[in-house]
Amino acid sequence: MDDMMADILPCASCGGTKQTVEDSKPEGRTADVYRVVCSCGAASAMWSVTPTAAVRLWNRYMAEPSKD
């Protein structure tokens, strides 16, 4: 992956850290779309146009809240 990509935070559903960035090319699109999927099956319903954006979306809405 990209060196500039943010770390993927643990899953809010299971606390796991085995997430992957999934890509897809829906019919009619000319470029891939991306989302982060946890091994427990948790995934955002929204897709992103870049892997980096998919990680930011995950970290914002699907990850465990920060303990800071």
N, C-alpha and C. Protein backbone atom coordinates (compact mmCIF):
# COMPACT_ATOMS: atom_id res chain seq x y z
N MET A 1 0.83 -1.18 0.00
CA MET A 1 0.00 0.00 0.00
C MET A 1 0.88 1.25 0.00
N ASP A 2 0.23 2.35 -0.10
CA ASP A 2 0.88 3.65 -0.14
C ASP A 2 1.52 3.98 1.20
N ASP A 3 2.75 4.49 1.19
CA ASP A 3 3.44 4.87 2.42
C ASP A 3 2.75 6.04 3.12
N MET A 4 1.99 6.84 2.38
CA MET A 4 1.31 8.00 2.95
C MET A 4 -0.05 7.65 3.55
N MET A 5 -0.50 6.41 3.40
CA MET A 5 -1.81 6.01 3.90
C MET A 5 -1.80 5.94 5.42
N ALA A 6 -2.88 6.43 6.02
CA ALA A 6 -3.02 6.39 7.48
C ALA A 6 -3.16 4.94 7.94
N ASP A 7 -2.82 4.69 9.21
CA ASP A 7 -3.01 3.37 9.78
C ASP A 7 -4.50 3.07 9.88
N ILE A 8 -4.86 1.82 9.64
CA ILE A 8 -6.24 1.39 9.80
C ILE A 8 -6.46 1.07 11.27
N LEU A 9 -7.41 1.75 11.89
CA LEU A 9 -7.68 1.56 13.32
C LEU A 9 -8.48 0.29 13.56
N PRO A 10 -8.47 -0.25 14.79
CA PRO A 10 -9.21 -1.48 15.10
C PRO A 10 -10.71 -1.33 14.87
N CYS A 11 -11.33 -2.44 14.57
CA CYS A 11 -12.77 -2.51 14.28
C CYS A 11 -13.58 -2.22 15.54
N ALA A 12 -14.62 -1.40 15.41
CA ALA A 12 -15.51 -1.09 16.54
C ALA A 12 -16.40 -2.28 16.89
N SER A 13 -16.68 -3.16 15.93
CA SER A 13 -17.56 -4.30 16.19
C SER A 13 -16.87 -5.41 16.98
N CYS A 14 -15.63 -5.75 16.58
CA CYS A 14 -14.97 -6.90 17.20
C CYS A 14 -13.65 -6.54 17.88
N GLY A 15 -13.14 -5.34 17.63
CA GLY A 15 -11.85 -4.95 18.20
C GLY A 15 -10.67 -5.50 17.42
N GLY A 16 -10.96 -6.21 16.34
CA GLY A 16 -9.91 -6.84 15.54
C GLY A 16 -9.09 -5.87 14.73
N THR A 17 -7.93 -6.33 14.30
CA THR A 17 -7.02 -5.50 13.52
C THR A 17 -6.69 -6.13 12.17
N LYS A 18 -7.49 -7.08 11.73
CA LYS A 18 -7.22 -7.76 10.45
C LYS A 18 -8.14 -7.24 9.35
N GLN A 19 -8.00 -5.94 9.06
CA GLN A 19 -8.80 -5.34 8.00
C GLN A 19 -8.02 -5.35 6.69
N THR A 20 -8.76 -5.39 5.62
CA THR A 20 -8.16 -5.31 4.29
C THR A 20 -8.89 -4.25 3.48
N VAL A 21 -8.21 -3.70 2.50
CA VAL A 21 -8.84 -2.76 1.58
C VAL A 21 -9.33 -3.57 0.39
N GLU A 22 -10.63 -3.56 0.20
CA GLU A 22 -11.28 -4.32 -0.88
C GLU A 22 -11.52 -3.37 -2.06
N ASP A 23 -11.31 -3.87 -3.26
CA ASP A 23 -11.61 -3.04 -4.43
C ASP A 23 -12.66 -3.71 -5.30
N SER A 24 -13.34 -2.89 -6.07
CA SER A 24 -14.41 -3.37 -6.95
C SER A 24 -14.50 -2.41 -8.13
N LYS A 25 -14.97 -2.93 -9.23
CA LYS A 25 -15.20 -2.09 -10.41
C LYS A 25 -16.62 -2.36 -10.89
N PRO A 26 -17.59 -1.63 -10.30
CA PRO A 26 -18.98 -1.84 -10.69
C PRO A 26 -19.19 -1.57 -12.18
N GLU A 27 -20.18 -2.24 -12.72
CA GLU A 27 -20.51 -2.07 -14.14
C GLU A 27 -20.78 -0.61 -14.45
N GLY A 28 -20.18 -0.13 -15.51
CA GLY A 28 -20.37 1.25 -15.93
C GLY A 28 -19.30 2.21 -15.42
N ARG A 29 -18.49 1.78 -14.45
CA ARG A 29 -17.42 2.64 -13.92
C ARG A 29 -16.15 2.40 -14.71
N THR A 30 -15.34 3.42 -14.81
CA THR A 30 -14.07 3.28 -15.52
C THR A 30 -12.90 3.08 -14.57
N ALA A 31 -13.13 3.27 -13.28
CA ALA A 31 -12.06 3.11 -12.29
C ALA A 31 -12.58 2.32 -11.09
N ASP A 32 -11.65 1.70 -10.36
CA ASP A 32 -12.02 0.93 -9.16
C ASP A 32 -12.53 1.85 -8.06
N VAL A 33 -13.30 1.28 -7.16
CA VAL A 33 -13.71 1.93 -5.91
C VAL A 33 -13.24 1.02 -4.78
N TYR A 34 -13.11 1.59 -3.58
CA TYR A 34 -12.47 0.88 -2.47
C TYR A 34 -13.26 1.03 -1.18
N ARG A 35 -13.11 0.03 -0.29
CA ARG A 35 -13.62 0.12 1.07
C ARG A 35 -12.78 -0.80 1.95
N VAL A 36 -12.82 -0.53 3.25
CA VAL A 36 -12.11 -1.36 4.22
C VAL A 36 -13.09 -2.38 4.75
N VAL A 37 -12.65 -3.64 4.84
CA VAL A 37 -13.48 -4.73 5.35
C VAL A 37 -12.71 -5.44 6.46
N CYS A 38 -13.38 -5.67 7.58
CA CYS A 38 -12.77 -6.39 8.70
C CYS A 38 -12.99 -7.89 8.51
N SER A 39 -12.15 -8.69 9.14
CA SER A 39 -12.30 -10.15 9.05
C SER A 39 -13.60 -10.62 9.70
N CYS A 40 -14.22 -9.80 10.59
CA CYS A 40 -15.50 -10.17 11.20
C CYS A 40 -16.67 -9.89 10.28
N GLY A 41 -16.42 -9.24 9.14
CA GLY A 41 -17.47 -8.94 8.18
C GLY A 41 -17.94 -7.50 8.20
N ALA A 42 -17.52 -6.73 9.20
CA ALA A 42 -17.91 -5.32 9.26
C ALA A 42 -17.27 -4.57 8.09
N ALA A 43 -18.07 -3.74 7.44
CA ALA A 43 -17.58 -2.94 6.32
C ALA A 43 -18.49 -1.74 6.14
N SER A 44 -17.92 -0.69 5.62
CA SER A 44 -18.71 0.49 5.31
C SER A 44 -19.61 0.19 4.11
N ALA A 45 -20.81 0.74 4.12
CA ALA A 45 -21.70 0.60 2.97
C ALA A 45 -21.29 1.56 1.86
N MET A 46 -20.47 2.55 2.22
CA MET A 46 -20.02 3.53 1.23
C MET A 46 -18.67 3.11 0.67
N TRP A 47 -18.49 3.37 -0.60
CA TRP A 47 -17.23 3.08 -1.28
C TRP A 47 -16.51 4.40 -1.54
N SER A 48 -15.20 4.34 -1.68
CA SER A 48 -14.36 5.52 -1.90
C SER A 48 -13.62 5.39 -3.21
N VAL A 49 -13.19 6.53 -3.76
CA VAL A 49 -12.51 6.50 -5.05
C VAL A 49 -11.01 6.23 -4.94
N THR A 50 -10.46 6.27 -3.72
CA THR A 50 -9.05 5.93 -3.51
C THR A 50 -8.92 5.06 -2.26
N PRO A 51 -7.90 4.23 -2.19
CA PRO A 51 -7.68 3.44 -0.96
C PRO A 51 -7.48 4.32 0.27
N THR A 52 -6.79 5.43 0.11
CA THR A 52 -6.55 6.34 1.23
C THR A 52 -7.86 6.90 1.77
N ALA A 53 -8.76 7.27 0.88
CA ALA A 53 -10.06 7.79 1.30
C ALA A 53 -10.87 6.70 1.99
N ALA A 54 -10.74 5.45 1.55
CA ALA A 54 -11.45 4.34 2.19
C ALA A 54 -10.96 4.15 3.63
N VAL A 55 -9.67 4.28 3.85
CA VAL A 55 -9.11 4.16 5.20
C VAL A 55 -9.60 5.31 6.08
N ARG A 56 -9.61 6.53 5.54
CA ARG A 56 -10.12 7.67 6.32
C ARG A 56 -11.59 7.47 6.68
N LEU A 57 -12.38 6.96 5.75
CA LEU A 57 -13.79 6.68 6.02
C LEU A 57 -13.94 5.64 7.12
N TRP A 58 -13.17 4.57 7.05
CA TRP A 58 -13.19 3.53 8.08
C TRP A 58 -12.84 4.13 9.44
N ASN A 59 -11.71 4.85 9.49
CA ASN A 59 -11.24 5.39 10.75
C ASN A 59 -12.24 6.37 11.37
N ARG A 60 -12.99 7.05 10.55
CA ARG A 60 -13.96 8.03 11.04
C ARG A 60 -15.24 7.38 11.56
N TYR A 61 -15.75 6.35 10.85
CA TYR A 61 -17.08 5.83 11.15
C TYR A 61 -17.14 4.38 11.63
N MET A 62 -16.14 3.57 11.32
CA MET A 62 -16.23 2.13 11.61
C MET A 62 -15.22 1.66 12.65
N ALA A 63 -14.26 2.50 13.00
CA ALA A 63 -13.20 2.10 13.92
C ALA A 63 -13.58 2.38 15.37
N GLU A 64 -12.87 1.70 16.29
CA GLU A 64 -13.06 1.96 17.72
C GLU A 64 -12.74 3.42 18.00
N PRO A 65 -13.49 4.04 18.90
CA PRO A 65 -13.16 5.42 19.26
C PRO A 65 -11.77 5.49 19.88
N SER A 66 -11.08 6.57 19.62
CA SER A 66 -9.75 6.77 20.17
C SER A 66 -9.81 6.90 21.68
N LYS A 67 -8.79 6.37 22.35
CA LYS A 67 -8.74 6.43 23.81
C LYS A 67 -8.05 7.70 24.30
N ASP A 68 -7.72 8.60 23.40
CA ASP A 68 -7.04 9.87 23.78
C ASP A 68 -7.98 10.79 24.49
